[in-house]
Amino acid sequence: MSAKIVKEQVVSSALQLLDRLGMEGLTMRKVADALNVQVPSLYWHFANKDALFEAVADTLLEHVATTTVAGETWQDMFFRISCEVRQALLSHRDGARFLARTYPLSDNVARISSQMISSLKDVGADDRTAAWGTFSTLYFVIGFTIEEQAFAEKRPDHNQGPDIKSLLLRYPVAAQAWQQILESDTDEGFHFGLNMSLQGLVHHLYTPEK
C-alpha cells in the first residue's frame, strides 16, 4: 500500500533527485520510487510531469526578492535581484537549465518580475520598456548561469588534442579571448555582463528620442 504523501514532499524529493541525477535523470518514476509510492499517487498533486517540473522550478526561486531595501534605485534593485536569481540557480544542479526548460508562470516568478517591472514604471518607463527591460535582464542571468553550470560540469581543456591546438593557432585573437575567460573569475564575468545590460537600459530610459 502506498504511503500518504503531501505536495511539498513531492517537490522536495524532486529537488533532491535533480541535485543527485541532474535534469535528464529526473523522472516521475524516480520521484515516485524515492517516495515509495506508485506514479499515479503523484497525480493527486500534479496533473502531469510538466506541472510537477514547474512547481520544482518555482521552488528554485522561493527566496529571491523576498526583502526590500529602503531608498534603493531601480538599478540597484535589478543588480541585487539578478544576483539573487543567479545564486538560487547555482545552488541546485542544472538549476538554470531546468528553469529555462519550464519557465513557470508562478507565484515566485510573478513576484520577482513584478518588483522589477514596477521599479522601471516608477521612473517613467512605458509598458513595453518595463516588460522587455525586465525580462531581457532575467534572460541574460539565466543564460549566463546555464553556461556557467555547464562549464563547471565539464571544464574544457584547450591544451589537449592537435585539432584544438591547430584551431587556436589559426585564430589567435579568439584564443587570447578564450584564455582571458578561462582565467577570469565567474563573478567578474557575470557582473561585467549585467552592468553592460543595465547601462543599455539606462541609455534607453534617459536618452531623448531624436
C-alpha atoms as a PDB file:
ATOM      1  CA  MET A   1       0.000   0.000   0.000  1.00  0.00           C
ATOM      2  CA  SER A   2       1.341   3.433  -0.965  1.00  0.00           C
ATOM      3  CA  ALA A   3       2.245   5.848   1.794  1.00  0.00           C
ATOM      4  CA  LYS A   4       0.275   9.082   2.004  1.00  0.00           C
ATOM      5  CA  ILE A   5       2.292  11.993   0.676  1.00  0.00           C
ATOM      6  CA  VAL A   6       1.804  15.750   0.542  1.00  0.00           C
ATOM      7  CA  LYS A   7       2.625  18.136  -2.285  1.00  0.00           C
ATOM      8  CA  GLU A   8       5.673  19.601  -0.533  1.00  0.00           C
ATOM      9  CA  GLN A   9       7.201  16.128  -0.164  1.00  0.00           C
ATOM     10  CA  VAL A  10       6.931  15.533  -3.892  1.00  0.00           C
ATOM     11  CA  VAL A  11       8.670  18.818  -4.745  1.00  0.00           C
ATOM     12  CA  SER A  12      11.365  18.254  -2.121  1.00  0.00           C
ATOM     13  CA  SER A  13      12.056  14.756  -3.410  1.00  0.00           C
ATOM     14  CA  ALA A  14      12.238  16.026  -6.986  1.00  0.00           C
ATOM     15  CA  LEU A  15      14.758  18.705  -5.968  1.00  0.00           C
ATOM     16  CA  GLN A  16      16.928  16.107  -4.243  1.00  0.00           C
ATOM     17  CA  LEU A  17      16.864  13.962  -7.370  1.00  0.00           C
ATOM     18  CA  LEU A  18      17.728  16.979  -9.511  1.00  0.00           C
ATOM     19  CA  ASP A  19      20.800  17.606  -7.375  1.00  0.00           C
ATOM     20  CA  ARG A  20      21.831  13.954  -7.478  1.00  0.00           C
ATOM     21  CA  LEU A  21      20.986  12.950 -11.039  1.00  0.00           C
ATOM     22  CA  GLY A  22      20.726  16.192 -13.000  1.00  0.00           C
ATOM     23  CA  MET A  23      17.900  17.309 -15.233  1.00  0.00           C
ATOM     24  CA  GLU A  24      17.963  14.272 -17.518  1.00  0.00           C
ATOM     25  CA  GLY A  25      17.760  11.921 -14.542  1.00  0.00           C
ATOM     26  CA  LEU A  26      14.655  13.492 -13.047  1.00  0.00           C
ATOM     27  CA  THR A  27      11.548  11.469 -13.951  1.00  0.00           C
ATOM     28  CA  MET A  28       8.133  10.868 -12.431  1.00  0.00           C
ATOM     29  CA  ARG A  29       9.062   7.227 -11.906  1.00  0.00           C
ATOM     30  CA  LYS A  30      12.174   8.110  -9.936  1.00  0.00           C
ATOM     31  CA  VAL A  31      10.287  10.656  -7.827  1.00  0.00           C
ATOM     32  CA  ALA A  32       7.659   8.019  -7.024  1.00  0.00           C
ATOM     33  CA  ASP A  33      10.322   5.434  -6.183  1.00  0.00           C
ATOM     34  CA  ALA A  34      12.097   7.891  -3.872  1.00  0.00           C
ATOM     35  CA  LEU A  35       8.822   8.451  -2.020  1.00  0.00           C
ATOM     36  CA  ASN A  36       7.945   4.744  -2.008  1.00  0.00           C
ATOM     37  CA  VAL A  37       4.667   5.319  -3.841  1.00  0.00           C
ATOM     38  CA  GLN A  38       3.209   4.463  -7.214  1.00  0.00           C
ATOM     39  CA  VAL A  39       3.393   7.032 -10.021  1.00  0.00           C
ATOM     40  CA  PRO A  40      -0.418   7.576 -10.051  1.00  0.00           C
ATOM     41  CA  SER A  41      -0.151   8.838  -6.452  1.00  0.00           C
ATOM     42  CA  LEU A  42       1.765  11.855  -7.761  1.00  0.00           C
ATOM     43  CA  TYR A  43      -1.180  12.828  -9.934  1.00  0.00           C
ATOM     44  CA  TRP A  44      -3.224  13.660  -6.838  1.00  0.00           C
ATOM     45  CA  HIS A  45      -0.987  16.711  -6.546  1.00  0.00           C
ATOM     46  CA  PHE A  46       0.201  17.362 -10.115  1.00  0.00           C
ATOM     47  CA  ALA A  47      -1.796  16.873 -13.302  1.00  0.00           C
ATOM     48  CA  ASN A  48       1.260  15.791 -15.278  1.00  0.00           C
ATOM     49  CA  LYS A  49       5.053  15.864 -15.393  1.00  0.00           C
ATOM     50  CA  ASP A  50       5.131  19.447 -16.662  1.00  0.00           C
ATOM     51  CA  ALA A  51       3.069  20.624 -13.692  1.00  0.00           C
ATOM     52  CA  LEU A  52       5.489  18.962 -11.268  1.00  0.00           C
ATOM     53  CA  PHE A  53       8.527  20.373 -13.049  1.00  0.00           C
ATOM     54  CA  GLU A  54       7.004  23.870 -12.997  1.00  0.00           C
ATOM     55  CA  ALA A  55       6.489  23.575  -9.236  1.00  0.00           C
ATOM     56  CA  VAL A  56      10.106  22.469  -8.799  1.00  0.00           C
ATOM     57  CA  ALA A  57      11.360  25.355 -10.965  1.00  0.00           C
ATOM     58  CA  ASP A  58       9.239  27.806  -8.994  1.00  0.00           C
ATOM     59  CA  THR A  59      10.697  26.481  -5.735  1.00  0.00           C
ATOM     60  CA  LEU A  60      14.199  27.282  -7.000  1.00  0.00           C
ATOM     61  CA  LEU A  61      13.266  30.964  -6.728  1.00  0.00           C
ATOM     62  CA  GLU A  62      11.333  30.929  -3.450  1.00  0.00           C
ATOM     63  CA  HIS A  63      13.924  33.019  -1.557  1.00  0.00           C
ATOM     64  CA  VAL A  64      14.578  35.555  -4.323  1.00  0.00           C
ATOM     65  CA  ALA A  65      13.300  39.137  -3.959  1.00  0.00           C
ATOM     66  CA  THR A  66      11.677  38.478  -0.598  1.00  0.00           C
ATOM     67  CA  THR A  67      13.142  41.579   1.037  1.00  0.00           C
ATOM     68  CA  THR A  68      13.053  45.269   0.174  1.00  0.00           C
ATOM     69  CA  VAL A  69      15.772  47.880   0.597  1.00  0.00           C
ATOM     70  CA  ALA A  70      14.660  51.375   1.518  1.00  0.00           C
ATOM     71  CA  GLY A  71      15.779  54.055  -0.911  1.00  0.00           C
ATOM     72  CA  GLU A  72      17.106  51.549  -3.428  1.00  0.00           C
ATOM     73  CA  THR A  73      17.352  52.769  -7.024  1.00  0.00           C
ATOM     74  CA  TRP A  74      15.922  50.601  -9.796  1.00  0.00           C
ATOM     75  CA  GLN A  75      19.480  49.895 -10.986  1.00  0.00           C
ATOM     76  CA  ASP A  76      20.488  48.650  -7.543  1.00  0.00           C
ATOM     77  CA  MET A  77      17.313  46.555  -7.322  1.00  0.00           C
ATOM     78  CA  PHE A  78      17.944  44.972 -10.728  1.00  0.00           C
ATOM     79  CA  PHE A  79      21.523  44.195  -9.772  1.00  0.00           C
ATOM     80  CA  ARG A  80      20.559  42.720  -6.394  1.00  0.00           C
ATOM     81  CA  ILE A  81      17.700  40.600  -7.696  1.00  0.00           C
ATOM     82  CA  SER A  82      19.755  39.388 -10.662  1.00  0.00           C
ATOM     83  CA  CYS A  83      22.496  38.231  -8.282  1.00  0.00           C
ATOM     84  CA  GLU A  84      19.897  36.527  -6.081  1.00  0.00           C
ATOM     85  CA  VAL A  85      18.438  34.682  -9.079  1.00  0.00           C
ATOM     86  CA  ARG A  86      21.881  33.508 -10.157  1.00  0.00           C
ATOM     87  CA  GLN A  87      22.800  32.267  -6.686  1.00  0.00           C
ATOM     88  CA  ALA A  88      19.447  30.482  -6.337  1.00  0.00           C
ATOM     89  CA  LEU A  89      20.005  28.652  -9.624  1.00  0.00           C
ATOM     90  CA  LEU A  90      23.622  27.829  -8.803  1.00  0.00           C
ATOM     91  CA  SER A  91      22.507  26.203  -5.553  1.00  0.00           C
ATOM     92  CA  HIS A  92      20.992  23.274  -7.484  1.00  0.00           C
ATOM     93  CA  ARG A  93      22.492  21.109 -10.180  1.00  0.00           C
ATOM     94  CA  ASP A  94      21.257  22.173 -13.633  1.00  0.00           C
ATOM     95  CA  GLY A  95      19.170  24.831 -11.878  1.00  0.00           C
ATOM     96  CA  ALA A  96      19.381  27.405 -14.672  1.00  0.00           C
ATOM     97  CA  ARG A  97      18.750  24.903 -17.452  1.00  0.00           C
ATOM     98  CA  PHE A  98      15.843  23.445 -15.513  1.00  0.00           C
ATOM     99  CA  LEU A  99      14.251  26.868 -15.055  1.00  0.00           C
ATOM    100  CA  ALA A 100      14.755  27.705 -18.734  1.00  0.00           C
ATOM    101  CA  ARG A 101      13.113  24.419 -19.715  1.00  0.00           C
ATOM    102  CA  THR A 102       9.977  25.135 -17.714  1.00  0.00           C
ATOM    103  CA  TYR A 103       9.913  28.913 -17.083  1.00  0.00           C
ATOM    104  CA  PRO A 104       6.797  28.687 -14.926  1.00  0.00           C
ATOM    105  CA  LEU A 105       4.150  31.399 -14.733  1.00  0.00           C
ATOM    106  CA  SER A 106       4.049  31.066 -10.969  1.00  0.00           C
ATOM    107  CA  ASP A 107       3.971  32.986  -7.726  1.00  0.00           C
ATOM    108  CA  ASN A 108       7.717  33.380  -7.282  1.00  0.00           C
ATOM    109  CA  VAL A 109       8.328  34.335 -10.920  1.00  0.00           C
ATOM    110  CA  ALA A 110       5.454  36.816 -10.737  1.00  0.00           C
ATOM    111  CA  ARG A 111       6.790  38.366  -7.513  1.00  0.00           C
ATOM    112  CA  ILE A 112      10.272  38.832  -8.939  1.00  0.00           C
ATOM    113  CA  SER A 113       9.171  40.259 -12.275  1.00  0.00           C
ATOM    114  CA  SER A 114       6.511  42.489 -10.690  1.00  0.00           C
ATOM    115  CA  GLN A 115       9.080  44.179  -8.462  1.00  0.00           C
ATOM    116  CA  MET A 116      11.428  44.789 -11.370  1.00  0.00           C
ATOM    117  CA  ILE A 117       8.729  45.995 -13.763  1.00  0.00           C
ATOM    118  CA  SER A 118       7.242  48.300 -11.132  1.00  0.00           C
ATOM    119  CA  SER A 119      10.618  49.859 -10.375  1.00  0.00           C
ATOM    120  CA  LEU A 120      11.021  50.799 -14.049  1.00  0.00           C
ATOM    121  CA  LYS A 121       7.498  52.158 -14.357  1.00  0.00           C
ATOM    122  CA  ASP A 122       8.088  54.248 -11.231  1.00  0.00           C
ATOM    123  CA  VAL A 123      10.822  56.149 -13.107  1.00  0.00           C
ATOM    124  CA  GLY A 124       8.685  56.713 -16.182  1.00  0.00           C
ATOM    125  CA  ALA A 125       9.243  53.640 -18.340  1.00  0.00           C
ATOM    126  CA  ASP A 126       6.364  52.726 -20.630  1.00  0.00           C
ATOM    127  CA  ASP A 127       4.854  49.234 -20.518  1.00  0.00           C
ATOM    128  CA  ARG A 128       6.997  47.929 -23.391  1.00  0.00           C
ATOM    129  CA  THR A 129      10.268  49.174 -21.911  1.00  0.00           C
ATOM    130  CA  ALA A 130       9.396  47.954 -18.413  1.00  0.00           C
ATOM    131  CA  ALA A 131       8.469  44.482 -19.647  1.00  0.00           C
ATOM    132  CA  TRP A 132      11.339  43.924 -22.074  1.00  0.00           C
ATOM    133  CA  GLY A 133      13.850  45.662 -19.829  1.00  0.00           C
ATOM    134  CA  THR A 134      12.962  43.276 -17.020  1.00  0.00           C
ATOM    135  CA  PHE A 135      12.833  40.061 -18.991  1.00  0.00           C
ATOM    136  CA  SER A 136      15.897  40.834 -21.108  1.00  0.00           C
ATOM    137  CA  THR A 137      17.829  41.210 -17.869  1.00  0.00           C
ATOM    138  CA  LEU A 138      16.473  37.948 -16.498  1.00  0.00           C
ATOM    139  CA  TYR A 139      17.208  36.169 -19.785  1.00  0.00           C
ATOM    140  CA  PHE A 140      20.834  37.288 -19.503  1.00  0.00           C
ATOM    141  CA  VAL A 141      21.014  35.970 -15.922  1.00  0.00           C
ATOM    142  CA  ILE A 142      19.542  32.592 -16.857  1.00  0.00           C
ATOM    143  CA  GLY A 143      21.653  32.255 -19.999  1.00  0.00           C
ATOM    144  CA  PHE A 144      24.895  33.172 -18.249  1.00  0.00           C
ATOM    145  CA  THR A 145      24.168  30.740 -15.431  1.00  0.00           C
ATOM    146  CA  ILE A 146      23.341  27.918 -17.858  1.00  0.00           C
ATOM    147  CA  GLU A 147      26.783  28.372 -19.425  1.00  0.00           C
ATOM    148  CA  GLU A 148      28.417  28.727 -16.026  1.00  0.00           C
ATOM    149  CA  GLN A 149      26.943  25.474 -14.740  1.00  0.00           C
ATOM    150  CA  ALA A 150      27.711  23.603 -17.967  1.00  0.00           C
ATOM    151  CA  PHE A 151      31.285  24.882 -17.866  1.00  0.00           C
ATOM    152  CA  ALA A 152      31.727  23.790 -14.259  1.00  0.00           C
ATOM    153  CA  GLU A 153      30.284  20.351 -15.058  1.00  0.00           C
ATOM    154  CA  LYS A 154      32.784  19.695 -17.839  1.00  0.00           C
ATOM    155  CA  ARG A 155      35.575  22.252 -17.999  1.00  0.00           C
ATOM    156  CA  PRO A 156      37.245  22.085 -21.430  1.00  0.00           C
ATOM    157  CA  ASP A 157      41.000  21.653 -21.673  1.00  0.00           C
ATOM    158  CA  HIS A 158      42.368  23.538 -24.681  1.00  0.00           C
ATOM    159  CA  ASN A 159      45.848  22.138 -24.266  1.00  0.00           C
ATOM    160  CA  GLN A 160      44.815  18.673 -25.428  1.00  0.00           C
ATOM    161  CA  GLY A 161      44.417  17.387 -28.955  1.00  0.00           C
ATOM    162  CA  PRO A 162      46.118  18.507 -32.176  1.00  0.00           C
ATOM    163  CA  ASP A 163      42.851  19.778 -33.683  1.00  0.00           C
ATOM    164  CA  ILE A 164      42.312  22.193 -30.806  1.00  0.00           C
ATOM    165  CA  LYS A 165      45.895  23.449 -30.941  1.00  0.00           C
ATOM    166  CA  SER A 166      45.640  23.965 -34.689  1.00  0.00           C
ATOM    167  CA  LEU A 167      42.359  25.820 -34.318  1.00  0.00           C
ATOM    168  CA  LEU A 168      43.762  28.185 -31.707  1.00  0.00           C
ATOM    169  CA  LEU A 169      46.878  28.841 -33.762  1.00  0.00           C
ATOM    170  CA  ARG A 170      44.704  29.813 -36.725  1.00  0.00           C
ATOM    171  CA  TYR A 171      42.581  32.152 -34.605  1.00  0.00           C
ATOM    172  CA  PRO A 172      44.945  33.805 -32.086  1.00  0.00           C
ATOM    173  CA  VAL A 173      42.544  36.626 -31.192  1.00  0.00           C
ATOM    174  CA  ALA A 174      39.838  34.132 -30.231  1.00  0.00           C
ATOM    175  CA  ALA A 175      42.426  32.032 -28.396  1.00  0.00           C
ATOM    176  CA  GLN A 176      43.563  35.027 -26.354  1.00  0.00           C
ATOM    177  CA  ALA A 177      39.999  35.975 -25.517  1.00  0.00           C
ATOM    178  CA  TRP A 178      39.147  32.409 -24.525  1.00  0.00           C
ATOM    179  CA  GLN A 179      42.197  32.271 -22.294  1.00  0.00           C
ATOM    180  CA  GLN A 180      41.055  35.502 -20.652  1.00  0.00           C
ATOM    181  CA  ILE A 181      37.691  33.919 -19.889  1.00  0.00           C
ATOM    182  CA  LEU A 182      39.296  30.738 -18.554  1.00  0.00           C
ATOM    183  CA  GLU A 183      41.463  32.753 -16.187  1.00  0.00           C
ATOM    184  CA  SER A 184      38.716  35.131 -15.050  1.00  0.00           C
ATOM    185  CA  ASP A 185      36.523  34.788 -12.012  1.00  0.00           C
ATOM    186  CA  THR A 186      32.928  33.899 -12.966  1.00  0.00           C
ATOM    187  CA  ASP A 187      31.577  36.598 -10.661  1.00  0.00           C
ATOM    188  CA  GLU A 188      33.639  39.139 -12.586  1.00  0.00           C
ATOM    189  CA  GLY A 189      32.226  37.943 -15.885  1.00  0.00           C
ATOM    190  CA  PHE A 190      28.661  37.949 -14.580  1.00  0.00           C
ATOM    191  CA  HIS A 191      28.938  41.443 -13.113  1.00  0.00           C
ATOM    192  CA  PHE A 192      30.511  42.735 -16.333  1.00  0.00           C
ATOM    193  CA  GLY A 193      27.677  41.424 -18.487  1.00  0.00           C
ATOM    194  CA  LEU A 194      24.976  42.502 -16.055  1.00  0.00           C
ATOM    195  CA  ASN A 195      26.363  46.026 -15.807  1.00  0.00           C
ATOM    196  CA  MET A 196      26.544  46.249 -19.600  1.00  0.00           C
ATOM    197  CA  SER A 197      22.887  45.240 -19.778  1.00  0.00           C
ATOM    198  CA  LEU A 198      21.868  47.805 -17.171  1.00  0.00           C
ATOM    199  CA  GLN A 199      23.876  50.551 -18.862  1.00  0.00           C
ATOM    200  CA  GLY A 200      21.996  49.873 -22.084  1.00  0.00           C
ATOM    201  CA  LEU A 201      18.693  50.106 -20.256  1.00  0.00           C
ATOM    202  CA  VAL A 202      19.749  53.379 -18.593  1.00  0.00           C
ATOM    203  CA  HIS A 203      20.662  54.776 -22.005  1.00  0.00           C
ATOM    204  CA  HIS A 204      17.285  53.735 -23.416  1.00  0.00           C
ATOM    205  CA  LEU A 205      15.404  55.268 -20.495  1.00  0.00           C
ATOM    206  CA  TYR A 206      17.188  58.585 -20.235  1.00  0.00           C
ATOM    207  CA  THR A 207      18.338  59.430 -23.772  1.00  0.00           C
ATOM    208  CA  PRO A 208      15.811  61.723 -25.501  1.00  0.00           C
ATOM    209  CA  GLU A 209      14.486  60.432 -28.812  1.00  0.00           C
ATOM    210  CA  LYS A 210      15.564  62.446 -31.830  1.00  0.00           C
END
